Amino acid sequence: RIYNYARDDVRYEQVVVYHAIDQAQRYFHSLGFDDDTGTVNGIRDKVTNVCAHWNNDDQSFYSWANDNLHLGDGGVDDAEDADIILHEYGHAVLASINASSASGADIKNFNEWSALHEGFGDYLAAAFFADDGDGAYQAAHAAAVGEWDATSYSAASPPNLRRVDSLKKWTTDWVDQKHTDGEIWSSACWMLRGDINSTVCDQLILEGFLATPSGAVRMKDVALLIYDADQNLNAGANEASIRNAFNTHEITIDADYPLTVDTVAGVVGE
């Protein structure tokens, strides 16, 4: 049980994939999302099949058709970069929460649910590894996603696929491109994470998604459900920070708060 492989050994990437997804799932358990407890409330608390060497393209994806992850070997092998692995795992996580989106149409169209998928994947990757590595580097660049993979295509310093610390706004920066628009969501969540306890933030974001109705939803809907989760779990202790993060990115406005029973029912379709 010593998994010590060089990068030119195909098993190297397999070990990285296993470790990244296993540790993410263990983190979800630590937040209370665990099917092995009295209350079955796990989040994708099951085996996820991954092809660590899907093909020679610099492309990775979550497949709605078979519920698997596929990681490409073009450029830097995507399975060598745990940010890329967790970004794709983020798609699988949301698909398990909101299964009706797995029709394929939602994630392929340039709509808000697609952007939420991309933004959540970026946030999951950045947040999970924010406290790892060199402290000085992370203080400036924890918001960068996929730095190792991006060495083959990015001219940024440091190279990155995307960052999660922009000030993009839903009202003025929406361009109908799911990855670009996803930065609006990931950056709002990242701002919130910087203002409250990080594990509390992650728990609230996951609770917000868990409360989403079937089918595609808007960023505003999930933001309000995050706010509602904080009201229920923490007596609204983080209300000011939640409002600031989502208002700053103009996903919500002051008039959306506080939620009423009718507002919440409208979001979740009850």
C-alpha atoms as a PDB file:
ATOM      1  CA  ARG A   1       0.000   0.000   0.000  1.00  0.00           C
ATOM      2  CA  ILE A   2       2.755   2.404  -0.985  1.00  0.00           C
ATOM      3  CA  TYR A   3       1.519   4.412  -3.953  1.00  0.00           C
ATOM      4  CA  ASN A   4       4.756   6.039  -5.009  1.00  0.00           C
ATOM      5  CA  TYR A   5       4.688   6.577  -8.781  1.00  0.00           C
ATOM      6  CA  ALA A   6       6.495   8.917 -11.141  1.00  0.00           C
ATOM      7  CA  ARG A   7       4.488  11.147 -13.504  1.00  0.00           C
ATOM      8  CA  ASP A   8       5.253   8.912 -16.474  1.00  0.00           C
ATOM      9  CA  ASP A   9       3.464   6.027 -14.744  1.00  0.00           C
ATOM     10  CA  VAL A  10      -0.269   5.948 -15.592  1.00  0.00           C
ATOM     11  CA  ARG A  11      -1.008   5.021 -11.987  1.00  0.00           C
ATOM     12  CA  TYR A  12       0.295   8.407 -10.800  1.00  0.00           C
ATOM     13  CA  GLU A  13      -2.801  10.231 -12.050  1.00  0.00           C
ATOM     14  CA  GLN A  14      -5.092   7.528 -10.726  1.00  0.00           C
ATOM     15  CA  VAL A  15      -3.752   8.034  -7.219  1.00  0.00           C
ATOM     16  CA  VAL A  16      -4.160  11.818  -7.455  1.00  0.00           C
ATOM     17  CA  VAL A  17      -7.774  11.384  -8.567  1.00  0.00           C
ATOM     18  CA  TYR A  18      -8.581   8.945  -5.787  1.00  0.00           C
ATOM     19  CA  HIS A  19      -7.003  11.122  -3.134  1.00  0.00           C
ATOM     20  CA  ALA A  20      -8.706  14.337  -4.268  1.00  0.00           C
ATOM     21  CA  ILE A  21     -12.218  12.906  -4.414  1.00  0.00           C
ATOM     22  CA  ASP A  22     -11.807  10.827  -1.266  1.00  0.00           C
ATOM     23  CA  GLN A  23     -10.637  13.847   0.717  1.00  0.00           C
ATOM     24  CA  ALA A  24     -13.448  16.031  -0.627  1.00  0.00           C
ATOM     25  CA  GLN A  25     -16.020  13.446   0.388  1.00  0.00           C
ATOM     26  CA  ARG A  26     -14.452  13.132   3.838  1.00  0.00           C
ATOM     27  CA  TYR A  27     -14.728  16.910   4.140  1.00  0.00           C
ATOM     28  CA  PHE A  28     -18.422  16.767   3.276  1.00  0.00           C
ATOM     29  CA  HIS A  29     -18.804  14.187   6.041  1.00  0.00           C
ATOM     30  CA  SER A  30     -17.078  16.510   8.507  1.00  0.00           C
ATOM     31  CA  LEU A  31     -19.663  19.167   7.658  1.00  0.00           C
ATOM     32  CA  GLY A  32     -22.450  16.774   8.598  1.00  0.00           C
ATOM     33  CA  PHE A  33     -23.370  15.472   5.143  1.00  0.00           C
ATOM     34  CA  ASP A  34     -23.055  11.728   5.706  1.00  0.00           C
ATOM     35  CA  ASP A  35     -25.274   8.802   4.711  1.00  0.00           C
ATOM     36  CA  ASP A  36     -23.762   6.651   7.474  1.00  0.00           C
ATOM     37  CA  THR A  37     -25.350   8.636  10.293  1.00  0.00           C
ATOM     38  CA  GLY A  38     -28.851   8.392  11.706  1.00  0.00           C
ATOM     39  CA  THR A  39     -30.122  10.885   9.155  1.00  0.00           C
ATOM     40  CA  VAL A  40     -29.282   9.997   5.565  1.00  0.00           C
ATOM     41  CA  ASN A  41     -28.149  13.366   4.218  1.00  0.00           C
ATOM     42  CA  GLY A  42     -24.947  12.659   2.328  1.00  0.00           C
ATOM     43  CA  ILE A  43     -23.937  14.581  -0.768  1.00  0.00           C
ATOM     44  CA  ARG A  44     -22.899  12.162  -3.498  1.00  0.00           C
ATOM     45  CA  ASP A  45     -21.922   9.780  -0.724  1.00  0.00           C
ATOM     46  CA  LYS A  46     -21.118   6.964  -3.119  1.00  0.00           C
ATOM     47  CA  VAL A  47     -18.447   5.694  -5.478  1.00  0.00           C
ATOM     48  CA  THR A  48     -17.683   8.016  -8.383  1.00  0.00           C
ATOM     49  CA  ASN A  49     -16.133   6.338 -11.402  1.00  0.00           C
ATOM     50  CA  VAL A  50     -13.345   8.298 -13.083  1.00  0.00           C
ATOM     51  CA  CYS A  51     -11.325   7.658 -16.212  1.00  0.00           C
ATOM     52  CA  ALA A  52      -7.999   9.302 -15.402  1.00  0.00           C
ATOM     53  CA  HIS A  53      -6.731   8.993 -19.005  1.00  0.00           C
ATOM     54  CA  TRP A  54      -9.819   9.550 -21.144  1.00  0.00           C
ATOM     55  CA  ASN A  55      -8.069  10.659 -24.338  1.00  0.00           C
ATOM     56  CA  ASN A  56      -5.233  12.869 -25.588  1.00  0.00           C
ATOM     57  CA  ASP A  57      -7.270  16.090 -25.694  1.00  0.00           C
ATOM     58  CA  ASP A  58      -6.786  18.897 -23.208  1.00  0.00           C
ATOM     59  CA  GLN A  59     -10.379  18.507 -22.102  1.00  0.00           C
ATOM     60  CA  SER A  60     -12.163  17.021 -19.100  1.00  0.00           C
ATOM     61  CA  PHE A  61     -15.842  16.679 -18.319  1.00  0.00           C
ATOM     62  CA  TYR A  62     -18.563  15.146 -16.204  1.00  0.00           C
ATOM     63  CA  SER A  63     -20.817  12.908 -18.288  1.00  0.00           C
ATOM     64  CA  TRP A  64     -24.552  13.103 -17.676  1.00  0.00           C
ATOM     65  CA  ALA A  65     -24.946   9.925 -19.704  1.00  0.00           C
ATOM     66  CA  ASN A  66     -22.990   7.605 -17.408  1.00  0.00           C
ATOM     67  CA  ASP A  67     -22.482   9.776 -14.277  1.00  0.00           C
ATOM     68  CA  ASN A  68     -18.688   9.443 -14.605  1.00  0.00           C
ATOM     69  CA  LEU A  69     -15.766  11.859 -14.794  1.00  0.00           C
ATOM     70  CA  HIS A  70     -13.482  11.852 -17.836  1.00  0.00           C
ATOM     71  CA  LEU A  71     -10.055  13.516 -17.640  1.00  0.00           C
ATOM     72  CA  GLY A  72      -7.920  14.292 -20.677  1.00  0.00           C
ATOM     73  CA  ASP A  73      -4.159  13.973 -21.161  1.00  0.00           C
ATOM     74  CA  GLY A  74      -3.618  16.928 -23.510  1.00  0.00           C
ATOM     75  CA  GLY A  75      -1.127  19.569 -22.355  1.00  0.00           C
ATOM     76  CA  VAL A  76      -0.608  18.806 -18.682  1.00  0.00           C
ATOM     77  CA  ASP A  77      -2.573  15.679 -17.792  1.00  0.00           C
ATOM     78  CA  ASP A  78      -5.722  17.046 -16.161  1.00  0.00           C
ATOM     79  CA  ALA A  79      -5.665  14.280 -13.582  1.00  0.00           C
ATOM     80  CA  GLU A  80      -2.371  15.659 -12.256  1.00  0.00           C
ATOM     81  CA  ASP A  81      -4.109  18.838 -11.088  1.00  0.00           C
ATOM     82  CA  ALA A  82      -6.473  18.287  -8.181  1.00  0.00           C
ATOM     83  CA  ASP A  83      -8.146  21.642  -8.909  1.00  0.00           C
ATOM     84  CA  ILE A  84      -9.336  20.275 -12.250  1.00  0.00           C
ATOM     85  CA  ILE A  85     -10.440  17.023 -10.640  1.00  0.00           C
ATOM     86  CA  LEU A  86     -12.518  18.786  -7.999  1.00  0.00           C
ATOM     87  CA  HIS A  87     -13.973  21.211 -10.526  1.00  0.00           C
ATOM     88  CA  GLU A  88     -15.323  18.265 -12.508  1.00  0.00           C
ATOM     89  CA  TYR A  89     -16.365  16.522  -9.302  1.00  0.00           C
ATOM     90  CA  GLY A  90     -18.348  19.659  -8.500  1.00  0.00           C
ATOM     91  CA  HIS A  91     -20.509  18.948 -11.551  1.00  0.00           C
ATOM     92  CA  ALA A  92     -21.097  15.419 -10.285  1.00  0.00           C
ATOM     93  CA  VAL A  93     -21.974  16.752  -6.834  1.00  0.00           C
ATOM     94  CA  LEU A  94     -24.598  19.165  -8.165  1.00  0.00           C
ATOM     95  CA  ALA A  95     -25.974  16.509 -10.511  1.00  0.00           C
ATOM     96  CA  SER A  96     -26.545  14.239  -7.529  1.00  0.00           C
ATOM     97  CA  ILE A  97     -28.287  17.063  -5.653  1.00  0.00           C
ATOM     98  CA  ASN A  98     -30.472  18.225  -8.531  1.00  0.00           C
ATOM     99  CA  ALA A  99     -30.873  15.129 -10.668  1.00  0.00           C
ATOM    100  CA  SER A 100     -33.364  16.606 -13.097  1.00  0.00           C
ATOM    101  CA  SER A 101     -30.624  18.838 -14.498  1.00  0.00           C
ATOM    102  CA  ALA A 102     -29.029  15.649 -15.825  1.00  0.00           C
ATOM    103  CA  SER A 103     -31.290  15.809 -18.863  1.00  0.00           C
ATOM    104  CA  GLY A 104     -28.264  17.302 -20.586  1.00  0.00           C
ATOM    105  CA  ALA A 105     -30.036  20.339 -21.964  1.00  0.00           C
ATOM    106  CA  ASP A 106     -29.615  22.485 -18.876  1.00  0.00           C
ATOM    107  CA  ILE A 107     -25.870  22.199 -18.522  1.00  0.00           C
ATOM    108  CA  LYS A 108     -25.237  22.674 -22.243  1.00  0.00           C
ATOM    109  CA  ASN A 109     -27.334  25.777 -22.654  1.00  0.00           C
ATOM    110  CA  PHE A 110     -26.018  29.189 -21.611  1.00  0.00           C
ATOM    111  CA  ASN A 111     -28.322  29.634 -18.663  1.00  0.00           C
ATOM    112  CA  GLU A 112     -27.908  30.311 -14.994  1.00  0.00           C
ATOM    113  CA  TRP A 113     -27.932  26.695 -13.908  1.00  0.00           C
ATOM    114  CA  SER A 114     -24.998  26.025 -16.226  1.00  0.00           C
ATOM    115  CA  ALA A 115     -23.130  29.013 -14.795  1.00  0.00           C
ATOM    116  CA  LEU A 116     -23.914  27.837 -11.263  1.00  0.00           C
ATOM    117  CA  HIS A 117     -22.396  24.458 -12.136  1.00  0.00           C
ATOM    118  CA  GLU A 118     -19.204  26.049 -13.406  1.00  0.00           C
ATOM    119  CA  GLY A 119     -18.987  28.556 -10.586  1.00  0.00           C
ATOM    120  CA  PHE A 120     -19.539  25.908  -7.932  1.00  0.00           C
ATOM    121  CA  GLY A 121     -16.844  23.681  -9.432  1.00  0.00           C
ATOM    122  CA  ASP A 122     -14.336  26.542  -9.402  1.00  0.00           C
ATOM    123  CA  TYR A 123     -15.280  27.522  -5.858  1.00  0.00           C
ATOM    124  CA  LEU A 124     -15.038  23.935  -4.592  1.00  0.00           C
ATOM    125  CA  ALA A 125     -11.538  23.556  -6.012  1.00  0.00           C
ATOM    126  CA  ALA A 126     -10.265  26.904  -4.721  1.00  0.00           C
ATOM    127  CA  ALA A 127     -11.869  26.625  -1.292  1.00  0.00           C
ATOM    128  CA  PHE A 128     -10.812  23.032  -0.642  1.00  0.00           C
ATOM    129  CA  PHE A 129      -7.132  23.784  -1.188  1.00  0.00           C
ATOM    130  CA  ALA A 130      -7.091  27.371   0.097  1.00  0.00           C
ATOM    131  CA  ASP A 131      -5.155  26.505   3.244  1.00  0.00           C
ATOM    132  CA  ASP A 132      -2.675  24.112   1.612  1.00  0.00           C
ATOM    133  CA  GLY A 133       0.766  24.882   0.230  1.00  0.00           C
ATOM    134  CA  ASP A 134       3.020  27.894   0.668  1.00  0.00           C
ATOM    135  CA  GLY A 135       1.371  30.467   2.917  1.00  0.00           C
ATOM    136  CA  ALA A 136       2.692  33.549   1.134  1.00  0.00           C
ATOM    137  CA  TYR A 137       1.675  32.218  -2.270  1.00  0.00           C
ATOM    138  CA  GLN A 138      -1.776  31.220  -1.086  1.00  0.00           C
ATOM    139  CA  ALA A 139      -2.348  34.612   0.527  1.00  0.00           C
ATOM    140  CA  ALA A 140      -2.137  36.166  -2.930  1.00  0.00           C
ATOM    141  CA  HIS A 141      -3.272  33.358  -5.205  1.00  0.00           C
ATOM    142  CA  ALA A 142      -5.528  30.915  -3.356  1.00  0.00           C
ATOM    143  CA  ALA A 143      -8.274  32.215  -5.643  1.00  0.00           C
ATOM    144  CA  ALA A 144      -6.486  30.882  -8.735  1.00  0.00           C
ATOM    145  CA  VAL A 145      -7.845  27.591 -10.082  1.00  0.00           C
ATOM    146  CA  GLY A 146      -5.847  25.015 -12.031  1.00  0.00           C
ATOM    147  CA  GLU A 147      -2.424  26.642 -11.928  1.00  0.00           C
ATOM    148  CA  TRP A 148      -0.552  23.449 -12.785  1.00  0.00           C
ATOM    149  CA  ASP A 149      -2.817  22.450 -15.636  1.00  0.00           C
ATOM    150  CA  ALA A 150      -2.807  26.024 -16.965  1.00  0.00           C
ATOM    151  CA  THR A 151       0.960  26.105 -17.463  1.00  0.00           C
ATOM    152  CA  SER A 152       0.314  24.700 -20.939  1.00  0.00           C
ATOM    153  CA  TYR A 153      -2.093  27.452 -22.081  1.00  0.00           C
ATOM    154  CA  SER A 154      -2.216  30.464 -19.733  1.00  0.00           C
ATOM    155  CA  ALA A 155      -0.063  33.581 -19.941  1.00  0.00           C
ATOM    156  CA  ALA A 156      -1.352  34.904 -16.604  1.00  0.00           C
ATOM    157  CA  SER A 157       0.880  35.149 -13.563  1.00  0.00           C
ATOM    158  CA  PRO A 158       0.453  32.666 -12.041  1.00  0.00           C
ATOM    159  CA  PRO A 159      -1.050  30.603 -14.865  1.00  0.00           C
ATOM    160  CA  ASN A 160      -4.638  29.700 -14.129  1.00  0.00           C
ATOM    161  CA  LEU A 161      -7.806  28.373 -15.665  1.00  0.00           C
ATOM    162  CA  ARG A 162      -9.869  31.025 -13.856  1.00  0.00           C
ATOM    163  CA  ARG A 163      -9.912  32.949 -10.595  1.00  0.00           C
ATOM    164  CA  VAL A 164     -12.684  33.190  -8.029  1.00  0.00           C
ATOM    165  CA  ASP A 165     -11.973  36.692  -6.726  1.00  0.00           C
ATOM    166  CA  SER A 166     -13.426  38.922  -9.432  1.00  0.00           C
ATOM    167  CA  LEU A 167     -15.936  41.716  -8.846  1.00  0.00           C
ATOM    168  CA  LYS A 168     -18.115  40.660 -11.759  1.00  0.00           C
ATOM    169  CA  LYS A 169     -21.780  41.497 -11.364  1.00  0.00           C
ATOM    170  CA  TRP A 170     -24.837  39.577 -12.515  1.00  0.00           C
ATOM    171  CA  THR A 171     -26.521  42.742 -13.795  1.00  0.00           C
ATOM    172  CA  THR A 172     -23.677  44.104 -15.925  1.00  0.00           C
ATOM    173  CA  ASP A 173     -21.182  41.313 -16.614  1.00  0.00           C
ATOM    174  CA  TRP A 174     -23.409  38.486 -17.816  1.00  0.00           C
ATOM    175  CA  VAL A 175     -22.250  37.386 -21.284  1.00  0.00           C
ATOM    176  CA  ASP A 176     -24.127  34.100 -21.849  1.00  0.00           C
ATOM    177  CA  GLN A 177     -21.000  31.972 -21.539  1.00  0.00           C
ATOM    178  CA  LYS A 178     -21.282  29.495 -18.692  1.00  0.00           C
ATOM    179  CA  HIS A 179     -17.627  29.479 -17.595  1.00  0.00           C
ATOM    180  CA  THR A 180     -17.288  33.256 -17.683  1.00  0.00           C
ATOM    181  CA  ASP A 181     -20.661  33.816 -16.040  1.00  0.00           C
ATOM    182  CA  GLY A 182     -19.770  31.202 -13.438  1.00  0.00           C
ATOM    183  CA  GLU A 183     -17.125  33.610 -12.142  1.00  0.00           C
ATOM    184  CA  ILE A 184     -19.941  35.818 -10.847  1.00  0.00           C
ATOM    185  CA  TRP A 185     -21.153  33.014  -8.591  1.00  0.00           C
ATOM    186  CA  SER A 186     -17.748  31.668  -7.538  1.00  0.00           C
ATOM    187  CA  SER A 187     -16.530  35.155  -6.625  1.00  0.00           C
ATOM    188  CA  ALA A 188     -19.600  35.928  -4.535  1.00  0.00           C
ATOM    189  CA  CYS A 189     -19.071  32.693  -2.614  1.00  0.00           C
ATOM    190  CA  TRP A 190     -15.356  33.423  -2.263  1.00  0.00           C
ATOM    191  CA  MET A 191     -16.127  36.871  -0.868  1.00  0.00           C
ATOM    192  CA  LEU A 192     -18.482  35.306   1.647  1.00  0.00           C
ATOM    193  CA  ARG A 193     -15.841  32.756   2.614  1.00  0.00           C
ATOM    194  CA  GLY A 194     -13.380  35.535   3.326  1.00  0.00           C
ATOM    195  CA  ASP A 195     -15.819  37.213   5.684  1.00  0.00           C
ATOM    196  CA  ILE A 196     -17.089  34.300   7.795  1.00  0.00           C
ATOM    197  CA  ASN A 197     -15.777  30.989   9.103  1.00  0.00           C
ATOM    198  CA  SER A 198     -14.727  28.974   6.074  1.00  0.00           C
ATOM    199  CA  THR A 199     -16.325  25.693   7.124  1.00  0.00           C
ATOM    200  CA  VAL A 200     -19.566  27.467   8.018  1.00  0.00           C
ATOM    201  CA  CYS A 201     -19.502  29.089   4.588  1.00  0.00           C
ATOM    202  CA  ASP A 202     -19.013  25.762   2.816  1.00  0.00           C
ATOM    203  CA  GLN A 203     -21.799  24.190   4.846  1.00  0.00           C
ATOM    204  CA  LEU A 204     -24.216  27.002   4.015  1.00  0.00           C
ATOM    205  CA  ILE A 205     -23.421  26.867   0.301  1.00  0.00           C
ATOM    206  CA  LEU A 206     -24.047  23.121   0.229  1.00  0.00           C
ATOM    207  CA  GLU A 207     -27.256  23.543   2.243  1.00  0.00           C
ATOM    208  CA  GLY A 208     -28.392  26.175  -0.240  1.00  0.00           C
ATOM    209  CA  PHE A 209     -27.888  23.834  -3.173  1.00  0.00           C
ATOM    210  CA  LEU A 210     -29.521  20.944  -1.316  1.00  0.00           C
ATOM    211  CA  ALA A 211     -32.662  23.034  -0.960  1.00  0.00           C
ATOM    212  CA  THR A 212     -32.915  23.824  -4.665  1.00  0.00           C
ATOM    213  CA  PRO A 213     -35.954  22.468  -6.500  1.00  0.00           C
ATOM    214  CA  SER A 214     -35.638  20.085  -9.412  1.00  0.00           C
ATOM    215  CA  GLY A 215     -34.690  21.651 -12.715  1.00  0.00           C
ATOM    216  CA  ALA A 216     -32.629  24.717 -13.476  1.00  0.00           C
ATOM    217  CA  VAL A 217     -32.576  27.521 -10.915  1.00  0.00           C
ATOM    218  CA  ARG A 218     -31.220  31.056 -10.830  1.00  0.00           C
ATOM    219  CA  MET A 219     -28.228  32.377  -8.898  1.00  0.00           C
ATOM    220  CA  LYS A 220     -30.588  34.556  -6.918  1.00  0.00           C
ATOM    221  CA  ASP A 221     -32.590  31.502  -5.839  1.00  0.00           C
ATOM    222  CA  VAL A 222     -29.551  29.692  -4.456  1.00  0.00           C
ATOM    223  CA  ALA A 223     -28.264  32.848  -2.760  1.00  0.00           C
ATOM    224  CA  LEU A 224     -31.588  33.266  -0.956  1.00  0.00           C
ATOM    225  CA  LEU A 225     -31.573  29.611   0.062  1.00  0.00           C
ATOM    226  CA  ILE A 226     -28.070  30.093   1.523  1.00  0.00           C
ATOM    227  CA  TYR A 227     -29.458  33.027   3.468  1.00  0.00           C
ATOM    228  CA  ASP A 228     -32.392  30.868   4.605  1.00  0.00           C
ATOM    229  CA  ALA A 229     -30.046  28.081   5.708  1.00  0.00           C
ATOM    230  CA  ASP A 230     -28.133  30.542   7.874  1.00  0.00           C
ATOM    231  CA  GLN A 231     -31.373  31.722   9.443  1.00  0.00           C
ATOM    232  CA  ASN A 232     -32.330  28.148  10.274  1.00  0.00           C
ATOM    233  CA  LEU A 233     -28.938  26.846  11.376  1.00  0.00           C
ATOM    234  CA  ASN A 234     -27.270  29.906  12.895  1.00  0.00           C
ATOM    235  CA  ALA A 235     -30.160  32.212  13.783  1.00  0.00           C
ATOM    236  CA  GLY A 236     -28.988  34.555  11.031  1.00  0.00           C
ATOM    237  CA  ALA A 237     -25.547  35.132  12.540  1.00  0.00           C
ATOM    238  CA  ASN A 238     -24.013  35.578   9.078  1.00  0.00           C
ATOM    239  CA  GLU A 239     -26.816  37.595   7.520  1.00  0.00           C
ATOM    240  CA  ALA A 240     -24.823  40.783   6.975  1.00  0.00           C
ATOM    241  CA  SER A 241     -21.976  38.927   5.261  1.00  0.00           C
ATOM    242  CA  ILE A 242     -24.328  36.925   3.043  1.00  0.00           C
ATOM    243  CA  ARG A 243     -26.187  40.024   1.956  1.00  0.00           C
ATOM    244  CA  ASN A 244     -22.949  41.895   1.302  1.00  0.00           C
ATOM    245  CA  ALA A 245     -21.391  39.125  -0.811  1.00  0.00           C
ATOM    246  CA  PHE A 246     -24.388  38.539  -3.049  1.00  0.00           C
ATOM    247  CA  ASN A 247     -25.404  42.199  -3.204  1.00  0.00           C
ATOM    248  CA  THR A 248     -21.862  43.236  -4.158  1.00  0.00           C
ATOM    249  CA  HIS A 249     -22.040  40.904  -7.158  1.00  0.00           C
ATOM    250  CA  GLU A 250     -25.614  42.109  -7.772  1.00  0.00           C
ATOM    251  CA  ILE A 251     -27.043  38.622  -7.590  1.00  0.00           C
ATOM    252  CA  THR A 252     -29.415  39.950  -4.934  1.00  0.00           C
ATOM    253  CA  ILE A 253     -30.473  43.390  -3.747  1.00  0.00           C
ATOM    254  CA  ASP A 254     -31.504  44.693  -0.340  1.00  0.00           C
ATOM    255  CA  ALA A 255     -35.170  44.415  -1.267  1.00  0.00           C
ATOM    256  CA  ASP A 256     -34.788  40.614  -1.438  1.00  0.00           C
ATOM    257  CA  TYR A 257     -34.190  40.470   2.324  1.00  0.00           C
ATOM    258  CA  PRO A 258     -35.425  39.424   4.778  1.00  0.00           C
ATOM    259  CA  LEU A 259     -37.116  36.413   3.275  1.00  0.00           C
ATOM    260  CA  THR A 260     -40.713  35.672   4.066  1.00  0.00           C
ATOM    261  CA  VAL A 261     -42.397  32.287   4.179  1.00  0.00           C
ATOM    262  CA  ASP A 262     -43.917  33.068   0.788  1.00  0.00           C
ATOM    263  CA  THR A 263     -40.534  34.035  -0.685  1.00  0.00           C
ATOM    264  CA  VAL A 264     -38.895  30.785   0.365  1.00  0.00           C
ATOM    265  CA  ALA A 265     -41.885  28.784  -0.865  1.00  0.00           C
ATOM    266  CA  GLY A 266     -41.613  30.550  -4.204  1.00  0.00           C
ATOM    267  CA  VAL A 267     -37.955  29.601  -4.564  1.00  0.00           C
ATOM    268  CA  VAL A 268     -38.340  25.930  -3.678  1.00  0.00           C
ATOM    269  CA  GLY A 269     -41.700  25.560  -5.366  1.00  0.00           C
ATOM    270  CA  GLU A 270     -43.640  24.500  -2.307  1.00  0.00           C
END
